[in-house]
Amino acid sequence: MRKKALIIKIFLVYFFITLNTFAKDLEAYFNEGKEFFNKKEYEKSKVYFEKDIVFNPKNERSYLYLAKIFNENEEKKQEEMKLNNVLLLNPNNDEAIYMLILLKIKKSDYQESRKLIKKFDLVCNSFCSKKNEINEKFSKLIPLNENN
């Protein structure tokens, strides 16, 4: 009986050590991607963020950085998809909401911009200083229907 308990304990210790090592490897893809992003090597960073998403599909940070890369490359459709992924994982990510507001304003999407601005006002944390910029850009949009 003691032998079985000892074997189970050894297995559990081995399992947790292996799991911890695997988790550190997962973080490595994100960190590599961020380093390349900071050096403005977007194509290389994109590969690492995509690898990170393969192994850690719930890492909102990788989706956010991919959105930033697509923003730099002016691939608006891809940027919007990645921002929506971030908001699916974390609906209160104020940076993603901010970026999506700017994207919707550029597309002259009055209704969606207005909804996102209301949400941004509720959840803003680190990007609250951007409220004036958003409101200024939003005020330049002309609604299709004033009653909305």
Protein backbone atom coordinates (compact mmCIF):
# COMPACT_ATOMS: atom_id res chain seq x y z
CA MET A 1 0.00 0.00 0.00
CA ARG A 2 2.81 2.42 0.87
CA LYS A 3 4.52 1.57 -2.37
CA LYS A 4 1.48 2.67 -4.35
CA ALA A 5 1.25 5.94 -2.40
CA LEU A 6 4.95 6.61 -3.00
CA ILE A 7 4.59 5.92 -6.72
CA ILE A 8 1.58 8.25 -6.93
CA LYS A 9 3.47 11.01 -5.08
CA ILE A 10 6.49 10.64 -7.37
CA PHE A 11 4.20 10.76 -10.41
CA LEU A 12 2.45 13.90 -9.15
CA VAL A 13 5.75 15.69 -8.47
CA TYR A 14 7.02 14.72 -11.91
CA PHE A 15 3.73 15.87 -13.48
CA PHE A 16 3.86 19.31 -11.82
CA ILE A 17 7.53 19.82 -12.69
CA THR A 18 6.81 18.93 -16.31
CA LEU A 19 3.74 21.17 -16.36
CA ASN A 20 5.72 24.10 -14.94
CA THR A 21 8.46 23.68 -17.56
CA PHE A 22 5.84 23.53 -20.31
CA ALA A 23 4.20 26.72 -19.01
CA LYS A 24 7.54 28.56 -19.09
CA ASP A 25 8.04 27.42 -22.70
CA LEU A 26 4.62 28.82 -23.60
CA GLU A 27 5.51 32.21 -22.19
CA ALA A 28 8.71 32.13 -24.26
CA TYR A 29 6.81 32.50 -27.54
CA PHE A 30 5.00 35.58 -26.27
CA ASN A 31 8.19 37.12 -24.89
CA GLU A 32 10.08 36.52 -28.15
CA GLY A 33 7.23 38.05 -30.10
CA LYS A 34 7.19 41.09 -27.84
CA GLU A 35 10.95 41.58 -28.24
CA PHE A 36 10.67 41.54 -32.03
CA PHE A 37 7.63 43.83 -31.84
CA ASN A 38 9.57 46.36 -29.78
CA LYS A 39 12.31 46.27 -32.41
CA LYS A 40 9.63 46.92 -35.06
CA GLU A 41 10.32 43.56 -36.70
CA TYR A 42 6.63 42.88 -37.18
CA GLU A 43 6.79 39.83 -39.42
CA LYS A 44 9.05 37.97 -37.01
CA SER A 45 6.97 38.98 -34.01
CA LYS A 46 3.79 37.93 -35.79
CA VAL A 47 5.15 34.37 -36.14
CA TYR A 48 5.87 34.14 -32.41
CA PHE A 49 2.50 35.55 -31.38
CA GLU A 50 0.77 33.08 -33.68
CA LYS A 51 2.81 30.22 -32.17
CA ASP A 52 1.81 31.43 -28.72
CA ILE A 53 -1.86 31.35 -29.73
CA VAL A 54 -1.50 27.79 -31.02
CA PHE A 55 -0.23 26.61 -27.63
CA ASN A 56 -2.16 29.09 -25.50
CA PRO A 57 -5.35 30.09 -27.34
CA LYS A 58 -6.63 32.12 -24.38
CA ASN A 59 -3.69 34.54 -24.27
CA GLU A 60 -5.40 37.84 -25.00
CA ARG A 61 -2.04 39.64 -25.07
CA SER A 62 -0.93 37.79 -28.20
CA TYR A 63 -4.17 38.67 -29.98
CA LEU A 64 -3.72 42.30 -28.93
CA TYR A 65 -0.18 42.46 -30.28
CA LEU A 66 -1.30 40.83 -33.52
CA ALA A 67 -3.96 43.54 -33.79
CA LYS A 68 -1.24 46.16 -33.33
CA ILE A 69 0.82 44.53 -36.08
CA PHE A 70 -2.17 44.51 -38.43
CA ASN A 71 -2.76 48.15 -37.53
CA GLU A 72 0.81 48.99 -38.52
CA ASN A 73 0.36 47.09 -41.79
CA GLU A 74 -3.03 48.73 -42.34
CA GLU A 75 -4.84 45.40 -42.53
CA LYS A 76 -8.04 46.66 -40.94
CA LYS A 77 -10.09 43.48 -41.34
CA GLN A 78 -7.47 41.36 -39.61
CA GLU A 79 -6.99 44.00 -36.93
CA GLU A 80 -10.70 44.03 -36.18
CA MET A 81 -10.82 40.23 -35.96
CA LYS A 82 -7.96 40.13 -33.46
CA LEU A 83 -9.47 42.92 -31.37
CA ASN A 84 -12.77 41.04 -31.28
CA ASN A 85 -10.87 37.95 -30.13
CA VAL A 86 -9.33 39.97 -27.30
CA LEU A 87 -12.76 41.22 -26.26
CA LEU A 88 -14.18 37.69 -26.34
CA LEU A 89 -11.48 36.61 -23.92
CA ASN A 90 -11.63 39.77 -21.81
CA PRO A 91 -14.58 42.10 -22.46
CA ASN A 92 -13.02 44.74 -20.18
CA ASN A 93 -9.71 45.12 -22.01
CA ASP A 94 -9.67 48.89 -22.34
CA GLU A 95 -6.78 48.99 -24.80
CA ALA A 96 -8.62 46.69 -27.21
CA ILE A 97 -11.81 48.73 -26.83
CA TYR A 98 -9.84 51.92 -27.48
CA MET A 99 -8.25 50.48 -30.63
CA LEU A 100 -11.61 49.17 -31.85
CA ILE A 101 -13.22 52.58 -31.28
CA LEU A 102 -10.55 54.24 -33.41
CA LEU A 103 -11.07 51.61 -36.09
CA LYS A 104 -14.85 52.09 -36.08
CA ILE A 105 -14.45 55.88 -36.23
CA LYS A 106 -12.18 55.52 -39.26
CA LYS A 107 -14.87 53.36 -40.86
CA SER A 108 -17.46 56.05 -39.97
CA ASP A 109 -19.49 53.51 -38.04
CA TYR A 110 -21.38 55.92 -35.78
CA GLN A 111 -23.60 53.41 -33.98
CA GLU A 112 -20.87 50.94 -33.12
CA SER A 113 -18.49 53.74 -32.12
CA ARG A 114 -21.06 55.16 -29.76
CA LYS A 115 -21.67 51.75 -28.13
CA LEU A 116 -17.97 51.15 -27.69
CA ILE A 117 -17.40 54.62 -26.22
CA LYS A 118 -20.08 53.95 -23.60
CA LYS A 119 -18.43 50.65 -22.76
CA PHE A 120 -15.01 52.31 -22.67
CA ASP A 121 -16.28 54.87 -20.17
CA LEU A 122 -17.36 52.04 -17.88
CA VAL A 123 -14.23 49.92 -18.03
CA CYS A 124 -11.36 52.28 -18.77
CA ASN A 125 -8.40 51.65 -16.56
CA SER A 126 -5.05 52.40 -18.14
CA PHE A 127 -6.38 54.26 -21.18
CA CYS A 128 -8.70 56.74 -19.46
CA SER A 129 -6.43 59.56 -20.60
CA LYS A 130 -7.53 58.81 -24.17
CA LYS A 131 -11.18 59.77 -23.53
CA ASN A 132 -10.74 63.32 -24.84
CA GLU A 133 -9.07 62.09 -28.02
CA ILE A 134 -11.89 59.61 -28.64
CA ASN A 135 -14.61 62.16 -27.96
CA GLU A 136 -12.96 64.66 -30.30
CA LYS A 137 -12.73 62.15 -33.14
CA PHE A 138 -16.23 60.87 -32.48
CA SER A 139 -17.69 64.38 -32.58
CA LYS A 140 -16.50 64.67 -36.18
CA LEU A 141 -18.69 61.75 -37.21
CA ILE A 142 -22.08 62.65 -38.59
CA PRO A 143 -24.78 60.15 -37.65
CA LEU A 144 -26.94 58.74 -40.39
CA ASN A 145 -30.00 59.04 -38.22
CA GLU A 146 -30.03 61.68 -35.46
CA ASN A 147 -32.77 59.87 -33.52
CA ASN A 148 -30.48 56.99 -32.58
